[in-house]
PDB file of N, CA and C in Angstrom:
ATOM      1  N   MET A   1     -50.523   7.991   1.732  1.00  0.00           N
ATOM      2  CA  MET A   1     -51.060   8.117   3.058  1.00  0.00           C
ATOM      3  C   MET A   1     -50.085   8.944   3.901  1.00  0.00           C
ATOM      4  N   LEU A   2     -50.603   9.843   4.650  1.00  0.00           N
ATOM      5  CA  LEU A   2     -49.802  10.675   5.541  1.00  0.00           C
ATOM      6  C   LEU A   2     -50.207  10.374   6.981  1.00  0.00           C
ATOM      7  N   LEU A   3     -49.239   9.917   7.773  1.00  0.00           N
ATOM      8  CA  LEU A   3     -49.492   9.645   9.185  1.00  0.00           C
ATOM      9  C   LEU A   3     -48.994  10.826  10.001  1.00  0.00           C
ATOM     10  N   THR A   4     -49.783  11.279  10.954  1.00  0.00           N
ATOM     11  CA  THR A   4     -49.377  12.369  11.839  1.00  0.00           C
ATOM     12  C   THR A   4     -49.491  11.906  13.280  1.00  0.00           C
ATOM     13  N   GLY A   5     -48.713  12.540  14.144  1.00  0.00           N
ATOM     14  CA  GLY A   5     -48.747  12.165  15.544  1.00  0.00           C
ATOM     15  C   GLY A   5     -47.886  13.079  16.381  1.00  0.00           C
ATOM     16  N   THR A   6     -47.654  12.658  17.613  1.00  0.00           N
ATOM     17  CA  THR A   6     -46.897  13.431  18.588  1.00  0.00           C
ATOM     18  C   THR A   6     -45.700  12.617  19.060  1.00  0.00           C
ATOM     19  N   VAL A   7     -44.536  13.262  19.138  1.00  0.00           N
ATOM     20  CA  VAL A   7     -43.339  12.594  19.642  1.00  0.00           C
ATOM     21  C   VAL A   7     -43.494  12.363  21.139  1.00  0.00           C
ATOM     22  N   ARG A   8     -43.231  11.135  21.564  1.00  0.00           N
ATOM     23  CA  ARG A   8     -43.330  10.762  22.976  1.00  0.00           C
ATOM     24  C   ARG A   8     -42.009  10.158  23.437  1.00  0.00           C
ATOM     25  N   SER A   9     -41.680  10.379  24.674  1.00  0.00           N
ATOM     26  CA  SER A   9     -40.451   9.779  25.205  1.00  0.00           C
ATOM     27  C   SER A   9     -40.701   8.313  25.541  1.00  0.00           C
ATOM     28  N   GLY A  10     -39.618   7.557  25.480  1.00  0.00           N
ATOM     29  CA  GLY A  10     -39.715   6.137  25.790  1.00  0.00           C
ATOM     30  C   GLY A  10     -38.901   5.810  27.019  1.00  0.00           C
ATOM     31  N   LYS A  11     -38.536   4.541  27.130  1.00  0.00           N
ATOM     32  CA  LYS A  11     -37.767   4.076  28.274  1.00  0.00           C
ATOM     33  C   LYS A  11     -36.280   4.373  28.124  1.00  0.00           C
ATOM     34  N   GLY A  12     -35.835   4.618  26.887  1.00  0.00           N
ATOM     35  CA  GLY A  12     -34.434   4.938  26.660  1.00  0.00           C
ATOM     36  C   GLY A  12     -33.502   3.746  26.684  1.00  0.00           C
ATOM     37  N   ASN A  13     -34.032   2.546  26.463  1.00  0.00           N
ATOM     38  CA  ASN A  13     -33.173   1.365  26.545  1.00  0.00           C
ATOM     39  C   ASN A  13     -32.879   0.724  25.189  1.00  0.00           C
ATOM     40  N   PHE A  14     -33.460   1.224  24.109  1.00  0.00           N
ATOM     41  CA  PHE A  14     -33.235   0.596  22.805  1.00  0.00           C
ATOM     42  C   PHE A  14     -31.863   0.955  22.231  1.00  0.00           C
ATOM     43  N   SER A  15     -31.333   2.116  22.583  1.00  0.00           N
ATOM     44  CA  SER A  15     -30.033   2.511  22.039  1.00  0.00           C
ATOM     45  C   SER A  15     -28.944   1.528  22.462  1.00  0.00           C
ATOM     46  N   TYR A  16     -29.067   0.956  23.646  1.00  0.00           N
ATOM     47  CA  TYR A  16     -28.087  -0.035  24.111  1.00  0.00           C
ATOM     48  C   TYR A  16     -28.048  -1.221  23.144  1.00  0.00           C
ATOM     49  N   CYS A  17     -29.218  -1.706  22.747  1.00  0.00           N
ATOM     50  CA  CYS A  17     -29.286  -2.844  21.817  1.00  0.00           C
ATOM     51  C   CYS A  17     -28.740  -2.472  20.456  1.00  0.00           C
ATOM     52  N   MET A  18     -29.048  -1.272  19.995  1.00  0.00           N
ATOM     53  CA  MET A  18     -28.575  -0.852  18.674  1.00  0.00           C
ATOM     54  C   MET A  18     -27.054  -0.725  18.637  1.00  0.00           C
ATOM     55  N   VAL A  19     -26.473  -0.202  19.696  1.00  0.00           N
ATOM     56  CA  VAL A  19     -25.012  -0.079  19.749  1.00  0.00           C
ATOM     57  C   VAL A  19     -24.379  -1.460  19.766  1.00  0.00           C
ATOM     58  N   LYS A  20     -24.948  -2.360  20.556  1.00  0.00           N
ATOM     59  CA  LYS A  20     -24.411  -3.707  20.675  1.00  0.00           C
ATOM     60  C   LYS A  20     -24.514  -4.476  19.356  1.00  0.00           C
ATOM     61  N   LEU A  21     -25.565  -4.204  18.582  1.00  0.00           N
ATOM     62  CA  LEU A  21     -25.798  -4.926  17.326  1.00  0.00           C
ATOM     63  C   LEU A  21     -25.606  -4.039  16.096  1.00  0.00           C
ATOM     64  N   GLN A  22     -24.809  -2.977  16.228  1.00  0.00           N
ATOM     65  CA  GLN A  22     -24.646  -2.019  15.145  1.00  0.00           C
ATOM     66  C   GLN A  22     -24.135  -2.658  13.860  1.00  0.00           C
ATOM     67  N   THR A  23     -23.221  -3.601  13.963  1.00  0.00           N
ATOM     68  CA  THR A  23     -22.692  -4.279  12.781  1.00  0.00           C
ATOM     69  C   THR A  23     -23.814  -4.991  12.024  1.00  0.00           C
ATOM     70  N   LEU A  24     -24.702  -5.663  12.746  1.00  0.00           N
ATOM     71  CA  LEU A  24     -25.824  -6.369  12.126  1.00  0.00           C
ATOM     72  C   LEU A  24     -26.773  -5.379  11.455  1.00  0.00           C
ATOM     73  N   TYR A  25     -27.146  -4.302  12.159  1.00  0.00           N
ATOM     74  CA  TYR A  25     -28.057  -3.311  11.588  1.00  0.00           C
ATOM     75  C   TYR A  25     -27.469  -2.690  10.329  1.00  0.00           C
ATOM     76  N   THR A  26     -26.181  -2.372  10.340  1.00  0.00           N
ATOM     77  CA  THR A  26     -25.533  -1.773   9.181  1.00  0.00           C
ATOM     78  C   THR A  26     -25.499  -2.759   8.020  1.00  0.00           C
ATOM     79  N   ALA A  27     -25.209  -4.011   8.303  1.00  0.00           N
ATOM     80  CA  ALA A  27     -25.172  -5.032   7.253  1.00  0.00           C
ATOM     81  C   ALA A  27     -26.557  -5.240   6.631  1.00  0.00           C
ATOM     82  N   GLU A  28     -27.607  -5.216   7.443  1.00  0.00           N
ATOM     83  CA  GLU A  28     -28.965  -5.462   6.946  1.00  0.00           C
ATOM     84  C   GLU A  28     -29.548  -4.264   6.210  1.00  0.00           C
ATOM     85  N   THR A  29     -29.257  -3.059   6.670  1.00  0.00           N
ATOM     86  CA  THR A  29     -29.868  -1.865   6.075  1.00  0.00           C
ATOM     87  C   THR A  29     -28.971  -1.158   5.072  1.00  0.00           C
ATOM     88  N   GLY A  30     -27.659  -1.379   5.174  1.00  0.00           N
ATOM     89  CA  GLY A  30     -26.726  -0.703   4.284  1.00  0.00           C
ATOM     90  C   GLY A  30     -26.367   0.705   4.720  1.00  0.00           C
ATOM     91  N   VAL A  31     -26.864   1.134   5.870  1.00  0.00           N
ATOM     92  CA  VAL A  31     -26.543   2.465   6.398  1.00  0.00           C
ATOM     93  C   VAL A  31     -26.228   2.354   7.884  1.00  0.00           C
ATOM     94  N   ALA A  32     -25.453   3.298   8.382  1.00  0.00           N
ATOM     95  CA  ALA A  32     -25.168   3.347   9.820  1.00  0.00           C
ATOM     96  C   ALA A  32     -26.308   4.104  10.490  1.00  0.00           C
ATOM     97  N   LEU A  33     -27.071   3.407  11.294  1.00  0.00           N
ATOM     98  CA  LEU A  33     -28.234   4.006  11.949  1.00  0.00           C
ATOM     99  C   LEU A  33     -27.835   4.718  13.234  1.00  0.00           C
ATOM    100  N   TYR A  34     -28.580   5.754  13.582  1.00  0.00           N
ATOM    101  CA  TYR A  34     -28.371   6.460  14.832  1.00  0.00           C
ATOM    102  C   TYR A  34     -28.957   5.615  15.954  1.00  0.00           C
ATOM    103  N   PRO A  35     -28.203   5.349  17.024  1.00  0.00           N
ATOM    104  CA  PRO A  35     -28.704   4.498  18.103  1.00  0.00           C
ATOM    105  C   PRO A  35     -29.915   5.110  18.817  1.00  0.00           C
ATOM    106  N   GLY A  36     -30.947   4.338  18.942  1.00  0.00           N
ATOM    107  CA  GLY A  36     -32.149   4.774  19.642  1.00  0.00           C
ATOM    108  C   GLY A  36     -33.390   4.549  18.800  1.00  0.00           C
ATOM    109  N   SER A  37     -34.486   5.046  19.277  1.00  0.00           N
ATOM    110  CA  SER A  37     -35.737   4.942  18.544  1.00  0.00           C
ATOM    111  C   SER A  37     -36.499   6.253  18.710  1.00  0.00           C
ATOM    112  N   LEU A  38     -37.456   6.446  17.850  1.00  0.00           N
ATOM    113  CA  LEU A  38     -38.287   7.641  17.917  1.00  0.00           C
ATOM    114  C   LEU A  38     -39.710   7.183  18.161  1.00  0.00           C
ATOM    115  N   GLY A  39     -40.241   7.479  19.333  1.00  0.00           N
ATOM    116  CA  GLY A  39     -41.598   7.092  19.681  1.00  0.00           C
ATOM    117  C   GLY A  39     -42.606   8.116  19.192  1.00  0.00           C
ATOM    118  N   ILE A  40     -43.537   7.672  18.374  1.00  0.00           N
ATOM    119  CA  ILE A  40     -44.584   8.538  17.852  1.00  0.00           C
ATOM    120  C   ILE A  40     -45.943   7.966  18.258  1.00  0.00           C
ATOM    121  N   GLU A  41     -46.760   8.791  18.891  1.00  0.00           N
ATOM    122  CA  GLU A  41     -48.142   8.411  19.176  1.00  0.00           C
ATOM    123  C   GLU A  41     -48.972   8.934  18.015  1.00  0.00           C
ATOM    124  N   LEU A  42     -49.510   8.008  17.211  1.00  0.00           N
ATOM    125  CA  LEU A  42     -50.258   8.395  16.023  1.00  0.00           C
ATOM    126  C   LEU A  42     -51.597   9.018  16.396  1.00  0.00           C
ATOM    127  N   ALA A  43     -52.031   9.959  15.564  1.00  0.00           N
ATOM    128  CA  ALA A  43     -53.311  10.633  15.791  1.00  0.00           C
ATOM    129  C   ALA A  43     -54.479   9.682  15.529  1.00  0.00           C
ATOM    130  N   VAL A  44     -54.282   8.714  14.630  1.00  0.00           N
ATOM    131  CA  VAL A  44     -55.314   7.721  14.315  1.00  0.00           C
ATOM    132  C   VAL A  44     -54.672   6.337  14.341  1.00  0.00           C
ATOM    133  N   SER A  45     -55.472   5.322  14.533  1.00  0.00           N
ATOM    134  CA  SER A  45     -54.979   3.945  14.564  1.00  0.00           C
ATOM    135  C   SER A  45     -54.460   3.548  13.188  1.00  0.00           C
ATOM    136  N   TYR A  46     -53.377   2.754  13.168  1.00  0.00           N
ATOM    137  CA  TYR A  46     -52.786   2.285  11.914  1.00  0.00           C
ATOM    138  C   TYR A  46     -52.259   0.875  12.111  1.00  0.00           C
ATOM    139  N   ASP A  47     -52.604  -0.021  11.198  1.00  0.00           N
ATOM    140  CA  ASP A  47     -52.099  -1.396  11.213  1.00  0.00           C
ATOM    141  C   ASP A  47     -51.064  -1.551  10.116  1.00  0.00           C
ATOM    142  N   LEU A  48     -49.943  -2.173  10.443  1.00  0.00           N
ATOM    143  CA  LEU A  48     -48.900  -2.418   9.444  1.00  0.00           C
ATOM    144  C   LEU A  48     -49.416  -3.401   8.392  1.00  0.00           C
ATOM    145  N   PRO A  49     -49.021  -3.184   7.140  1.00  0.00           N
ATOM    146  CA  PRO A  49     -49.414  -4.150   6.103  1.00  0.00           C
ATOM    147  C   PRO A  49     -48.716  -5.482   6.339  1.00  0.00           C
ATOM    148  N   THR A  50     -49.352  -6.553   5.922  1.00  0.00           N
ATOM    149  CA  THR A  50     -48.783  -7.885   6.134  1.00  0.00           C
ATOM    150  C   THR A  50     -47.652  -8.174   5.154  1.00  0.00           C
ATOM    151  N   LYS A  51     -47.629  -7.497   3.997  1.00  0.00           N
ATOM    152  CA  LYS A  51     -46.567  -7.686   3.004  1.00  0.00           C
ATOM    153  C   LYS A  51     -45.695  -6.444   2.958  1.00  0.00           C
ATOM    154  N   GLY A  52     -44.428  -6.642   2.718  1.00  0.00           N
ATOM    155  CA  GLY A  52     -43.523  -5.518   2.523  1.00  0.00           C
ATOM    156  C   GLY A  52     -42.873  -4.995   3.786  1.00  0.00           C
ATOM    157  N   VAL A  53     -43.101  -5.638   4.918  1.00  0.00           N
ATOM    158  CA  VAL A  53     -42.465  -5.214   6.177  1.00  0.00           C
ATOM    159  C   VAL A  53     -41.303  -6.140   6.455  1.00  0.00           C
ATOM    160  N   ILE A  54     -40.126  -5.551   6.722  1.00  0.00           N
ATOM    161  CA  ILE A  54     -38.934  -6.336   7.017  1.00  0.00           C
ATOM    162  C   ILE A  54     -38.597  -6.155   8.484  1.00  0.00           C
ATOM    163  N   LEU A  55     -38.555  -7.229   9.218  1.00  0.00           N
ATOM    164  CA  LEU A  55     -38.172  -7.185  10.625  1.00  0.00           C
ATOM    165  C   LEU A  55     -36.736  -7.648  10.741  1.00  0.00           C
ATOM    166  N   LEU A  56     -35.916  -6.877  11.437  1.00  0.00           N
ATOM    167  CA  LEU A  56     -34.511  -7.241  11.621  1.00  0.00           C
ATOM    168  C   LEU A  56     -34.341  -8.076  12.862  1.00  0.00           C
TER     169      LEU A  56
END
């Protein structure tokens, strides 16, 4: 499945949380993540699958 969409700006407040919890994110994912998020407005509706999704 290929999802397409448009990059949208957000509130800009998630990077603060990521920096504050960087040790936890790195421990859970095994990689050092870039602070922030990327907002994408999908061209079509999409529901996350109930299995295989990991919430940190």
